[in-house]
Amino acid sequence: MDSVAVPQADISTVPPTFDESVILLDVREDDEWQRGHAPDALHIPMGQIPTRLEEIDSTATLYVVCQAGGRSQRVAQYLAQNGYAPINLSGGMLAWAGAGRPVVTDDGGVGVI
């Protein structure tokens, strides 16, 4: 799996908002997501990716994120092997929050990473 090269994105090059054409796929576990996530991110925990591929639009610009970038790198490699063109967010949600980007909870409150 490690043989698949996946582009890396520095937080400064990642758009601040997402929609159906630009997706931020958060692959962290449910408890991590519940503590805080990027607004408009798509949440599919790492272990569920193989069974939920159809939920990910293969034509969208696809950024993949986790806590620090390791799990998302592995998921991005898997996605690349399955016809997607993912971009791993270097530094993960730690970089997102560190850049002053919003972190929210499902009810719209202020989240934490």
PDB file of N, CA and C in Angstrom:
ATOM      1  N   MET A   1       0.828  -1.202   0.000  1.00  0.00           N
ATOM      2  CA  MET A   1       0.000   0.000   0.000  1.00  0.00           C
ATOM      3  C   MET A   1       0.866   1.257   0.000  1.00  0.00           C
ATOM      4  N   ASP A   2       2.019   1.222   0.645  1.00  0.00           N
ATOM      5  CA  ASP A   2       2.858   2.407   0.753  1.00  0.00           C
ATOM      6  C   ASP A   2       3.482   2.840  -0.564  1.00  0.00           C
ATOM      7  N   SER A   3       3.354   2.004  -1.601  1.00  0.00           N
ATOM      8  CA  SER A   3       3.975   2.339  -2.874  1.00  0.00           C
ATOM      9  C   SER A   3       3.202   3.401  -3.656  1.00  0.00           C
ATOM     10  N   VAL A   4       1.999   3.699  -3.248  1.00  0.00           N
ATOM     11  CA  VAL A   4       1.181   4.694  -3.951  1.00  0.00           C
ATOM     12  C   VAL A   4       1.554   6.092  -3.459  1.00  0.00           C
ATOM     13  N   ALA A   5       2.009   6.920  -4.388  1.00  0.00           N
ATOM     14  CA  ALA A   5       2.353   8.300  -4.031  1.00  0.00           C
ATOM     15  C   ALA A   5       1.077   9.136  -3.977  1.00  0.00           C
ATOM     16  N   VAL A   6       0.926   9.879  -2.896  1.00  0.00           N
ATOM     17  CA  VAL A   6      -0.251  10.728  -2.714  1.00  0.00           C
ATOM     18  C   VAL A   6       0.233  12.154  -2.504  1.00  0.00           C
ATOM     19  N   PRO A   7      -0.333  13.115  -3.241  1.00  0.00           N
ATOM     20  CA  PRO A   7       0.052  14.510  -3.017  1.00  0.00           C
ATOM     21  C   PRO A   7      -0.231  14.940  -1.581  1.00  0.00           C
ATOM     22  N   GLN A   8       0.627  15.822  -1.081  1.00  0.00           N
ATOM     23  CA  GLN A   8       0.485  16.370   0.266  1.00  0.00           C
ATOM     24  C   GLN A   8       0.124  17.851   0.145  1.00  0.00           C
ATOM     25  N   ALA A   9      -0.822  18.289   0.967  1.00  0.00           N
ATOM     26  CA  ALA A   9      -1.224  19.702   0.942  1.00  0.00           C
ATOM     27  C   ALA A   9      -0.868  20.349   2.267  1.00  0.00           C
ATOM     28  N   ASP A  10      -0.197  21.466   2.195  1.00  0.00           N
ATOM     29  CA  ASP A  10       0.033  22.295   3.373  1.00  0.00           C
ATOM     30  C   ASP A  10      -1.277  23.026   3.660  1.00  0.00           C
ATOM     31  N   ILE A  11      -1.555  23.278   4.925  1.00  0.00           N
ATOM     32  CA  ILE A  11      -2.819  23.916   5.302  1.00  0.00           C
ATOM     33  C   ILE A  11      -3.041  25.236   4.554  1.00  0.00           C
ATOM     34  N   SER A  12      -1.984  25.937   4.225  1.00  0.00           N
ATOM     35  CA  SER A  12      -2.132  27.223   3.535  1.00  0.00           C
ATOM     36  C   SER A  12      -2.713  27.072   2.131  1.00  0.00           C
ATOM     37  N   THR A  13      -2.658  25.858   1.563  1.00  0.00           N
ATOM     38  CA  THR A  13      -3.175  25.646   0.209  1.00  0.00           C
ATOM     39  C   THR A  13      -4.551  24.984   0.197  1.00  0.00           C
ATOM     40  N   VAL A  14      -5.076  24.662   1.383  1.00  0.00           N
ATOM     41  CA  VAL A  14      -6.371  23.988   1.484  1.00  0.00           C
ATOM     42  C   VAL A  14      -7.472  25.043   1.612  1.00  0.00           C
ATOM     43  N   PRO A  15      -8.542  24.912   0.818  1.00  0.00           N
ATOM     44  CA  PRO A  15      -9.623  25.901   0.926  1.00  0.00           C
ATOM     45  C   PRO A  15     -10.256  25.885   2.313  1.00  0.00           C
ATOM     46  N   PRO A  16     -10.792  27.018   2.757  1.00  0.00           N
ATOM     47  CA  PRO A  16     -11.382  27.092   4.089  1.00  0.00           C
ATOM     48  C   PRO A  16     -12.804  26.542   4.162  1.00  0.00           C
ATOM     49  N   THR A  17     -13.461  26.379   3.028  1.00  0.00           N
ATOM     50  CA  THR A  17     -14.828  25.866   3.008  1.00  0.00           C
ATOM     51  C   THR A  17     -14.935  24.746   1.977  1.00  0.00           C
ATOM     52  N   PHE A  18     -15.966  23.917   2.142  1.00  0.00           N
ATOM     53  CA  PHE A  18     -16.126  22.747   1.295  1.00  0.00           C
ATOM     54  C   PHE A  18     -17.563  22.617   0.845  1.00  0.00           C
ATOM     55  N   ASP A  19     -17.755  21.935  -0.295  1.00  0.00           N
ATOM     56  CA  ASP A  19     -19.085  21.688  -0.844  1.00  0.00           C
ATOM     57  C   ASP A  19     -19.019  20.386  -1.630  1.00  0.00           C
ATOM     58  N   GLU A  20     -19.960  20.172  -2.525  1.00  0.00           N
ATOM     59  CA  GLU A  20     -19.953  18.907  -3.258  1.00  0.00           C
ATOM     60  C   GLU A  20     -18.803  18.770  -4.250  1.00  0.00           C
ATOM     61  N   SER A  21     -18.167  19.872  -4.645  1.00  0.00           N
ATOM     62  CA  SER A  21     -17.061  19.788  -5.602  1.00  0.00           C
ATOM     63  C   SER A  21     -15.685  19.757  -4.935  1.00  0.00           C
ATOM     64  N   VAL A  22     -15.611  20.166  -3.682  1.00  0.00           N
ATOM     65  CA  VAL A  22     -14.360  20.135  -2.915  1.00  0.00           C
ATOM     66  C   VAL A  22     -14.697  19.542  -1.547  1.00  0.00           C
ATOM     67  N   ILE A  23     -14.172  18.349  -1.282  1.00  0.00           N
ATOM     68  CA  ILE A  23     -14.526  17.602  -0.075  1.00  0.00           C
ATOM     69  C   ILE A  23     -13.334  17.514   0.872  1.00  0.00           C
ATOM     70  N   LEU A  24     -13.613  17.705   2.159  1.00  0.00           N
ATOM     71  CA  LEU A  24     -12.644  17.400   3.206  1.00  0.00           C
ATOM     72  C   LEU A  24     -13.161  16.139   3.887  1.00  0.00           C
ATOM     73  N   LEU A  25     -12.478  15.025   3.661  1.00  0.00           N
ATOM     74  CA  LEU A  25     -12.870  13.734   4.222  1.00  0.00           C
ATOM     75  C   LEU A  25     -12.123  13.523   5.533  1.00  0.00           C
ATOM     76  N   ASP A  26     -12.853  13.541   6.625  1.00  0.00           N
ATOM     77  CA  ASP A  26     -12.282  13.356   7.966  1.00  0.00           C
ATOM     78  C   ASP A  26     -12.404  11.878   8.320  1.00  0.00           C
ATOM     79  N   VAL A  27     -11.260  11.202   8.506  1.00  0.00           N
ATOM     80  CA  VAL A  27     -11.259   9.757   8.744  1.00  0.00           C
ATOM     81  C   VAL A  27     -10.996   9.399  10.208  1.00  0.00           C
ATOM     82  N   ARG A  28     -11.115  10.385  11.095  1.00  0.00           N
ATOM     83  CA  ARG A  28     -10.904  10.112  12.519  1.00  0.00           C
ATOM     84  C   ARG A  28     -12.071   9.308  13.092  1.00  0.00           C
ATOM     85  N   GLU A  29     -11.868   8.774  14.268  1.00  0.00           N
ATOM     86  CA  GLU A  29     -12.899   7.983  14.936  1.00  0.00           C
ATOM     87  C   GLU A  29     -14.031   8.881  15.425  1.00  0.00           C
ATOM     88  N   ASP A  30     -15.162   8.259  15.735  1.00  0.00           N
ATOM     89  CA  ASP A  30     -16.351   9.007  16.147  1.00  0.00           C
ATOM     90  C   ASP A  30     -16.095   9.931  17.341  1.00  0.00           C
ATOM     91  N   ASP A  31     -15.352   9.455  18.344  1.00  0.00           N
ATOM     92  CA  ASP A  31     -15.114  10.287  19.525  1.00  0.00           C
ATOM     93  C   ASP A  31     -14.279  11.520  19.184  1.00  0.00           C
ATOM     94  N   GLU A  32     -13.324  11.370  18.271  1.00  0.00           N
ATOM     95  CA  GLU A  32     -12.516  12.515  17.839  1.00  0.00           C
ATOM     96  C   GLU A  32     -13.389  13.522  17.089  1.00  0.00           C
ATOM     97  N   TRP A  33     -14.230  13.034  16.191  1.00  0.00           N
ATOM     98  CA  TRP A  33     -15.148  13.874  15.418  1.00  0.00           C
ATOM     99  C   TRP A  33     -16.070  14.643  16.352  1.00  0.00           C
ATOM    100  N   GLN A  34     -16.616  13.961  17.355  1.00  0.00           N
ATOM    101  CA  GLN A  34     -17.573  14.592  18.262  1.00  0.00           C
ATOM    102  C   GLN A  34     -16.931  15.721  19.074  1.00  0.00           C
ATOM    103  N   ARG A  35     -15.636  15.605  19.362  1.00  0.00           N
ATOM    104  CA  ARG A  35     -14.950  16.677  20.103  1.00  0.00           C
ATOM    105  C   ARG A  35     -14.777  17.925  19.247  1.00  0.00           C
ATOM    106  N   GLY A  36     -14.613  17.738  17.940  1.00  0.00           N
ATOM    107  CA  GLY A  36     -14.471  18.895  17.061  1.00  0.00           C
ATOM    108  C   GLY A  36     -13.991  18.510  15.683  1.00  0.00           C
ATOM    109  N   HIS A  37     -14.508  19.219  14.685  1.00  0.00           N
ATOM    110  CA  HIS A  37     -14.166  18.939  13.292  1.00  0.00           C
ATOM    111  C   HIS A  37     -14.301  20.214  12.464  1.00  0.00           C
ATOM    112  N   ALA A  38     -13.818  20.150  11.250  1.00  0.00           N
ATOM    113  CA  ALA A  38     -13.954  21.278  10.333  1.00  0.00           C
ATOM    114  C   ALA A  38     -15.410  21.379   9.874  1.00  0.00           C
ATOM    115  N   PRO A  39     -15.935  22.597   9.770  1.00  0.00           N
ATOM    116  CA  PRO A  39     -17.296  22.751   9.237  1.00  0.00           C
ATOM    117  C   PRO A  39     -17.372  22.155   7.829  1.00  0.00           C
ATOM    118  N   ASP A  40     -18.474  21.526   7.517  1.00  0.00           N
ATOM    119  CA  ASP A  40     -18.751  20.974   6.187  1.00  0.00           C
ATOM    120  C   ASP A  40     -17.882  19.790   5.792  1.00  0.00           C
ATOM    121  N   ALA A  41     -17.109  19.232   6.727  1.00  0.00           N
ATOM    122  CA  ALA A  41     -16.315  18.044   6.414  1.00  0.00           C
ATOM    123  C   ALA A  41     -17.236  16.823   6.311  1.00  0.00           C
ATOM    124  N   LEU A  42     -16.795  15.839   5.546  1.00  0.00           N
ATOM    125  CA  LEU A  42     -17.484  14.555   5.431  1.00  0.00           C
ATOM    126  C   LEU A  42     -16.783  13.600   6.385  1.00  0.00           C
ATOM    127  N   HIS A  43     -17.533  12.995   7.294  1.00  0.00           N
ATOM    128  CA  HIS A  43     -16.935  12.095   8.288  1.00  0.00           C
ATOM    129  C   HIS A  43     -17.201  10.636   7.949  1.00  0.00           C
ATOM    130  N   ILE A  44     -16.135   9.904   7.652  1.00  0.00           N
ATOM    131  CA  ILE A  44     -16.200   8.454   7.494  1.00  0.00           C
ATOM    132  C   ILE A  44     -14.967   7.905   8.213  1.00  0.00           C
ATOM    133  N   PRO A  45     -15.145   7.268   9.378  1.00  0.00           N
ATOM    134  CA  PRO A  45     -13.987   6.732  10.097  1.00  0.00           C
ATOM    135  C   PRO A  45     -13.156   5.795   9.217  1.00  0.00           C
ATOM    136  N   MET A  46     -11.861   5.793   9.449  1.00  0.00           N
ATOM    137  CA  MET A  46     -10.906   5.032   8.640  1.00  0.00           C
ATOM    138  C   MET A  46     -11.364   3.598   8.376  1.00  0.00           C
ATOM    139  N   GLY A  47     -11.800   2.899   9.408  1.00  0.00           N
ATOM    140  CA  GLY A  47     -12.182   1.505   9.260  1.00  0.00           C
ATOM    141  C   GLY A  47     -13.425   1.280   8.416  1.00  0.00           C
ATOM    142  N   GLN A  48     -14.202   2.332   8.187  1.00  0.00           N
ATOM    143  CA  GLN A  48     -15.436   2.206   7.403  1.00  0.00           C
ATOM    144  C   GLN A  48     -15.261   2.591   5.935  1.00  0.00           C
ATOM    145  N   ILE A  49     -14.100   3.117   5.580  1.00  0.00           N
ATOM    146  CA  ILE A  49     -13.877   3.590   4.201  1.00  0.00           C
ATOM    147  C   ILE A  49     -14.171   2.499   3.165  1.00  0.00           C
ATOM    148  N   PRO A  50     -13.650   1.272   3.306  1.00  0.00           N
ATOM    149  CA  PRO A  50     -13.895   0.273   2.258  1.00  0.00           C
ATOM    150  C   PRO A  50     -15.381  -0.012   2.000  1.00  0.00           C
ATOM    151  N   THR A  51     -16.207   0.032   3.026  1.00  0.00           N
ATOM    152  CA  THR A  51     -17.619  -0.274   2.843  1.00  0.00           C
ATOM    153  C   THR A  51     -18.468   0.949   2.520  1.00  0.00           C
ATOM    154  N   ARG A  52     -17.859   2.145   2.571  1.00  0.00           N
ATOM    155  CA  ARG A  52     -18.626   3.369   2.317  1.00  0.00           C
ATOM    156  C   ARG A  52     -18.052   4.195   1.167  1.00  0.00           C
ATOM    157  N   LEU A  53     -17.269   3.568   0.293  1.00  0.00           N
ATOM    158  CA  LEU A  53     -16.659   4.285  -0.833  1.00  0.00           C
ATOM    159  C   LEU A  53     -17.679   5.040  -1.676  1.00  0.00           C
ATOM    160  N   GLU A  54     -18.878   4.461  -1.837  1.00  0.00           N
ATOM    161  CA  GLU A  54     -19.883   5.091  -2.701  1.00  0.00           C
ATOM    162  C   GLU A  54     -20.347   6.445  -2.176  1.00  0.00           C
ATOM    163  N   GLU A  55     -20.046   6.753  -0.915  1.00  0.00           N
ATOM    164  CA  GLU A  55     -20.415   8.051  -0.344  1.00  0.00           C
ATOM    165  C   GLU A  55     -19.427   9.159  -0.721  1.00  0.00           C
ATOM    166  N   ILE A  56     -18.322   8.769  -1.336  1.00  0.00           N
ATOM    167  CA  ILE A  56     -17.273   9.731  -1.690  1.00  0.00           C
ATOM    168  C   ILE A  56     -17.316   9.980  -3.190  1.00  0.00           C
ATOM    169  N   ASP A  57     -17.538  11.219  -3.586  1.00  0.00           N
ATOM    170  CA  ASP A  57     -17.626  11.578  -5.002  1.00  0.00           C
ATOM    171  C   ASP A  57     -16.231  11.522  -5.626  1.00  0.00           C
ATOM    172  N   SER A  58     -16.059  10.612  -6.562  1.00  0.00           N
ATOM    173  CA  SER A  58     -14.745  10.439  -7.193  1.00  0.00           C
ATOM    174  C   SER A  58     -14.377  11.581  -8.136  1.00  0.00           C
ATOM    175  N   THR A  59     -15.324  12.459  -8.457  1.00  0.00           N
ATOM    176  CA  THR A  59     -15.022  13.578  -9.351  1.00  0.00           C
ATOM    177  C   THR A  59     -14.676  14.856  -8.590  1.00  0.00           C
ATOM    178  N   ALA A  60     -14.880  14.840  -7.280  1.00  0.00           N
ATOM    179  CA  ALA A  60     -14.608  16.035  -6.467  1.00  0.00           C
ATOM    180  C   ALA A  60     -13.121  16.142  -6.156  1.00  0.00           C
ATOM    181  N   THR A  61     -12.678  17.356  -5.852  1.00  0.00           N
ATOM    182  CA  THR A  61     -11.345  17.545  -5.290  1.00  0.00           C
ATOM    183  C   THR A  61     -11.429  17.018  -3.867  1.00  0.00           C
ATOM    184  N   LEU A  62     -10.568  16.058  -3.530  1.00  0.00           N
ATOM    185  CA  LEU A  62     -10.707  15.316  -2.285  1.00  0.00           C
ATOM    186  C   LEU A  62      -9.490  15.476  -1.376  1.00  0.00           C
ATOM    187  N   TYR A  63      -9.692  16.205  -0.277  1.00  0.00           N
ATOM    188  CA  TYR A  63      -8.665  16.318   0.765  1.00  0.00           C
ATOM    189  C   TYR A  63      -9.010  15.315   1.858  1.00  0.00           C
ATOM    190  N   VAL A  64      -7.999  14.621   2.382  1.00  0.00           N
ATOM    191  CA  VAL A  64      -8.215  13.633   3.433  1.00  0.00           C
ATOM    192  C   VAL A  64      -7.474  14.108   4.677  1.00  0.00           C
ATOM    193  N   VAL A  65      -8.153  14.032   5.836  1.00  0.00           N
ATOM    194  CA  VAL A  65      -7.584  14.553   7.079  1.00  0.00           C
ATOM    195  C   VAL A  65      -7.846  13.594   8.237  1.00  0.00           C
ATOM    196  N   CYS A  66      -6.892  13.568   9.176  1.00  0.00           N
ATOM    197  CA  CYS A  66      -7.072  12.872  10.449  1.00  0.00           C
ATOM    198  C   CYS A  66      -6.509  13.795  11.524  1.00  0.00           C
ATOM    199  N   GLN A  67      -6.057  13.246  12.623  1.00  0.00           N
ATOM    200  CA  GLN A  67      -5.508  14.066  13.710  1.00  0.00           C
ATOM    201  C   GLN A  67      -4.225  14.780  13.289  1.00  0.00           C
ATOM    202  N   ALA A  68      -3.241  13.996  12.805  1.00  0.00           N
ATOM    203  CA  ALA A  68      -1.926  14.573  12.496  1.00  0.00           C
ATOM    204  C   ALA A  68      -1.423  14.267  11.094  1.00  0.00           C
ATOM    205  N   GLY A  69      -2.097  13.404  10.348  1.00  0.00           N
ATOM    206  CA  GLY A  69      -1.711  13.142   8.966  1.00  0.00           C
ATOM    207  C   GLY A  69      -1.322  11.716   8.641  1.00  0.00           C
ATOM    208  N   GLY A  70      -1.128  10.862   9.644  1.00  0.00           N
ATOM    209  CA  GLY A  70      -0.711   9.487   9.392  1.00  0.00           C
ATOM    210  C   GLY A  70      -1.826   8.588   8.892  1.00  0.00           C
ATOM    211  N   ARG A  71      -2.929   8.563   9.609  1.00  0.00           N
ATOM    212  CA  ARG A  71      -4.059   7.729   9.183  1.00  0.00           C
ATOM    213  C   ARG A  71      -4.610   8.209   7.851  1.00  0.00           C
ATOM    214  N   SER A  72      -4.702   9.521   7.687  1.00  0.00           N
ATOM    215  CA  SER A  72      -5.241  10.051   6.427  1.00  0.00           C
ATOM    216  C   SER A  72      -4.327   9.693   5.256  1.00  0.00           C
ATOM    217  N   GLN A  73      -3.028   9.618   5.491  1.00  0.00           N
ATOM    218  CA  GLN A  73      -2.099   9.198   4.441  1.00  0.00           C
ATOM    219  C   GLN A  73      -2.416   7.766   4.004  1.00  0.00           C
ATOM    220  N   ARG A  74      -2.641   6.873   4.960  1.00  0.00           N
ATOM    221  CA  ARG A  74      -2.965   5.487   4.622  1.00  0.00           C
ATOM    222  C   ARG A  74      -4.301   5.398   3.887  1.00  0.00           C
ATOM    223  N   VAL A  75      -5.296   6.169   4.331  1.00  0.00           N
ATOM    224  CA  VAL A  75      -6.589   6.171   3.655  1.00  0.00           C
ATOM    225  C   VAL A  75      -6.438   6.748   2.250  1.00  0.00           C
ATOM    226  N   ALA A  76      -5.668   7.820   2.110  1.00  0.00           N
ATOM    227  CA  ALA A  76      -5.462   8.426   0.790  1.00  0.00           C
ATOM    228  C   ALA A  76      -4.803   7.428  -0.161  1.00  0.00           C
ATOM    229  N   GLN A  77      -3.852   6.650   0.330  1.00  0.00           N
ATOM    230  CA  GLN A  77      -3.218   5.631  -0.512  1.00  0.00           C
ATOM    231  C   GLN A  77      -4.245   4.589  -0.950  1.00  0.00           C
ATOM    232  N   TYR A  78      -5.104   4.171  -0.027  1.00  0.00           N
ATOM    233  CA  TYR A  78      -6.154   3.204  -0.354  1.00  0.00           C
ATOM    234  C   TYR A  78      -7.096   3.800  -1.409  1.00  0.00           C
ATOM    235  N   LEU A  79      -7.508   5.042  -1.205  1.00  0.00           N
ATOM    236  CA  LEU A  79      -8.402   5.694  -2.168  1.00  0.00           C
ATOM    237  C   LEU A  79      -7.745   5.804  -3.537  1.00  0.00           C
ATOM    238  N   ALA A  80      -6.461   6.149  -3.565  1.00  0.00           N
ATOM    239  CA  ALA A  80      -5.742   6.264  -4.834  1.00  0.00           C
ATOM    240  C   ALA A  80      -5.722   4.921  -5.573  1.00  0.00           C
ATOM    241  N   GLN A  81      -5.616   3.838  -4.839  1.00  0.00           N
ATOM    242  CA  GLN A  81      -5.634   2.504  -5.451  1.00  0.00           C
ATOM    243  C   GLN A  81      -7.016   2.132  -5.968  1.00  0.00           C
ATOM    244  N   ASN A  82      -8.035   2.883  -5.541  1.00  0.00           N
ATOM    245  CA  ASN A  82      -9.409   2.583  -5.919  1.00  0.00           C
ATOM    246  C   ASN A  82     -10.028   3.648  -6.812  1.00  0.00           C
ATOM    247  N   GLY A  83      -9.199   4.354  -7.562  1.00  0.00           N
ATOM    248  CA  GLY A  83      -9.697   5.260  -8.584  1.00  0.00           C
ATOM    249  C   GLY A  83      -9.933   6.698  -8.183  1.00  0.00           C
ATOM    250  N   TYR A  84      -9.562   7.055  -6.975  1.00  0.00           N
ATOM    251  CA  TYR A  84      -9.713   8.438  -6.513  1.00  0.00           C
ATOM    252  C   TYR A  84      -8.390   9.179  -6.690  1.00  0.00           C
ATOM    253  N   ALA A  85      -8.442  10.505  -6.588  1.00  0.00           N
ATOM    254  CA  ALA A  85      -7.239  11.337  -6.657  1.00  0.00           C
ATOM    255  C   ALA A  85      -7.149  12.165  -5.379  1.00  0.00           C
ATOM    256  N   PRO A  86      -6.893  11.511  -4.238  1.00  0.00           N
ATOM    257  CA  PRO A  86      -6.896  12.212  -2.951  1.00  0.00           C
ATOM    258  C   PRO A  86      -5.642  13.042  -2.721  1.00  0.00           C
ATOM    259  N   ILE A  87      -5.786  14.006  -1.825  1.00  0.00           N
ATOM    260  CA  ILE A  87      -4.684  14.858  -1.380  1.00  0.00           C
ATOM    261  C   ILE A  87      -4.669  14.766   0.138  1.00  0.00           C
ATOM    262  N   ASN A  88      -3.545  14.366   0.711  1.00  0.00           N
ATOM    263  CA  ASN A  88      -3.448  14.259   2.165  1.00  0.00           C
ATOM    264  C   ASN A  88      -3.152  15.627   2.763  1.00  0.00           C
ATOM    265  N   LEU A  89      -3.868  15.983   3.829  1.00  0.00           N
ATOM    266  CA  LEU A  89      -3.626  17.246   4.529  1.00  0.00           C
ATOM    267  C   LEU A  89      -2.496  17.043   5.529  1.00  0.00           C
ATOM    268  N   SER A  90      -1.326  17.554   5.198  1.00  0.00           N
ATOM    269  CA  SER A  90      -0.164  17.437   6.074  1.00  0.00           C
ATOM    270  C   SER A  90      -0.447  18.096   7.411  1.00  0.00           C
ATOM    271  N   GLY A  91      -0.163  17.379   8.487  1.00  0.00           N
ATOM    272  CA  GLY A  91      -0.378  17.931   9.814  1.00  0.00           C
ATOM    273  C   GLY A  91      -1.780  17.740  10.345  1.00  0.00           C
ATOM    274  N   GLY A  92      -2.702  17.270   9.497  1.00  0.00           N
ATOM    275  CA  GLY A  92      -4.051  16.933   9.919  1.00  0.00           C
ATOM    276  C   GLY A  92      -4.832  18.066  10.564  1.00  0.00           C
ATOM    277  N   MET A  93      -5.738  17.671  11.441  1.00  0.00           N
ATOM    278  CA  MET A  93      -6.584  18.650  12.128  1.00  0.00           C
ATOM    279  C   MET A  93      -5.777  19.512  13.093  1.00  0.00           C
ATOM    280  N   LEU A  94      -4.630  19.025  13.525  1.00  0.00           N
ATOM    281  CA  LEU A  94      -3.755  19.861  14.360  1.00  0.00           C
ATOM    282  C   LEU A  94      -3.284  21.071  13.557  1.00  0.00           C
ATOM    283  N   ALA A  95      -2.939  20.849  12.287  1.00  0.00           N
ATOM    284  CA  ALA A  95      -2.536  21.959  11.417  1.00  0.00           C
ATOM    285  C   ALA A  95      -3.724  22.869  11.121  1.00  0.00           C
ATOM    286  N   TRP A  96      -4.901  22.267  10.895  1.00  0.00           N
ATOM    287  CA  TRP A  96      -6.125  23.034  10.631  1.00  0.00           C
ATOM    288  C   TRP A  96      -6.383  24.011  11.775  1.00  0.00           C
ATOM    289  N   ALA A  97      -6.440  23.467  12.993  1.00  0.00           N
ATOM    290  CA  ALA A  97      -6.708  24.314  14.165  1.00  0.00           C
ATOM    291  C   ALA A  97      -5.563  25.291  14.411  1.00  0.00           C
ATOM    292  N   GLY A  98      -4.340  24.838  14.197  1.00  0.00           N
ATOM    293  CA  GLY A  98      -3.172  25.687  14.401  1.00  0.00           C
ATOM    294  C   GLY A  98      -3.132  26.886  13.473  1.00  0.00           C
ATOM    295  N   ALA A  99      -3.780  26.751  12.312  1.00  0.00           N
ATOM    296  CA  ALA A  99      -3.839  27.849  11.348  1.00  0.00           C
ATOM    297  C   ALA A  99      -5.007  28.790  11.651  1.00  0.00           C
ATOM    298  N   GLY A 100      -5.705  28.529  12.754  1.00  0.00           N
ATOM    299  CA  GLY A 100      -6.828  29.395  13.120  1.00  0.00           C
ATOM    300  C   GLY A 100      -8.121  29.087  12.398  1.00  0.00           C
ATOM    301  N   ARG A 101      -8.178  27.935  11.721  1.00  0.00           N
ATOM    302  CA  ARG A 101      -9.401  27.546  11.027  1.00  0.00           C
ATOM    303  C   ARG A 101     -10.447  27.104  12.048  1.00  0.00           C
ATOM    304  N   PRO A 102     -11.737  27.255  11.731  1.00  0.00           N
ATOM    305  CA  PRO A 102     -12.777  26.911  12.700  1.00  0.00           C
ATOM    306  C   PRO A 102     -12.856  25.411  12.985  1.00  0.00           C
ATOM    307  N   VAL A 103     -13.102  25.100  14.251  1.00  0.00           N
ATOM    308  CA  VAL A 103     -13.336  23.729  14.699  1.00  0.00           C
ATOM    309  C   VAL A 103     -14.668  23.767  15.440  1.00  0.00           C
ATOM    310  N   VAL A 104     -15.620  22.950  14.980  1.00  0.00           N
ATOM    311  CA  VAL A 104     -16.976  22.991  15.532  1.00  0.00           C
ATOM    312  C   VAL A 104     -17.423  21.603  15.997  1.00  0.00           C
ATOM    313  N   THR A 105     -18.477  21.600  16.784  1.00  0.00           N
ATOM    314  CA  THR A 105     -19.130  20.344  17.148  1.00  0.00           C
ATOM    315  C   THR A 105     -20.379  20.208  16.282  1.00  0.00           C
ATOM    316  N   ASP A 106     -21.016  19.049  16.343  1.00  0.00           N
ATOM    317  CA  ASP A 106     -22.201  18.820  15.515  1.00  0.00           C
ATOM    318  C   ASP A 106     -23.324  19.815  15.793  1.00  0.00           C
ATOM    319  N   ASP A 107     -23.403  20.335  17.033  1.00  0.00           N
ATOM    320  CA  ASP A 107     -24.461  21.292  17.345  1.00  0.00           C
ATOM    321  C   ASP A 107     -24.047  22.737  17.074  1.00  0.00           C
ATOM    322  N   GLY A 108     -22.882  22.921  16.428  1.00  0.00           N
ATOM    323  CA  GLY A 108     -22.448  24.257  16.037  1.00  0.00           C
ATOM    324  C   GLY A 108     -21.608  24.971  17.086  1.00  0.00           C
ATOM    325  N   GLY A 109     -21.345  24.305  18.213  1.00  0.00           N
ATOM    326  CA  GLY A 109     -20.515  24.907  19.242  1.00  0.00           C
ATOM    327  C   GLY A 109     -19.048  24.880  18.874  1.00  0.00           C
ATOM    328  N   VAL A 110     -18.226  25.485  19.698  1.00  0.00           N
ATOM    329  CA  VAL A 110     -16.783  25.498  19.487  1.00  0.00           C
ATOM    330  C   VAL A 110     -16.219  24.139  19.867  1.00  0.00           C
ATOM    331  N   GLY A 111     -15.490  23.526  18.945  1.00  0.00           N
ATOM    332  CA  GLY A 111     -14.910  22.209  19.177  1.00  0.00           C
ATOM    333  C   GLY A 111     -13.437  22.294  19.529  1.00  0.00           C
ATOM    334  N   VAL A 112     -12.890  21.152  19.883  1.00  0.00           N
ATOM    335  CA  VAL A 112     -11.464  21.034  20.199  1.00  0.00           C
ATOM    336  C   VAL A 112     -10.894  19.847  19.416  1.00  0.00           C
ATOM    337  N   ILE A 113      -9.598  19.893  19.224  1.00  0.00           N
ATOM    338  CA  ILE A 113      -8.910  18.781  18.543  1.00  0.00           C
ATOM    339  C   ILE A 113      -8.177  17.962  19.593  1.00  0.00           C
TER     340      ILE A 113
END
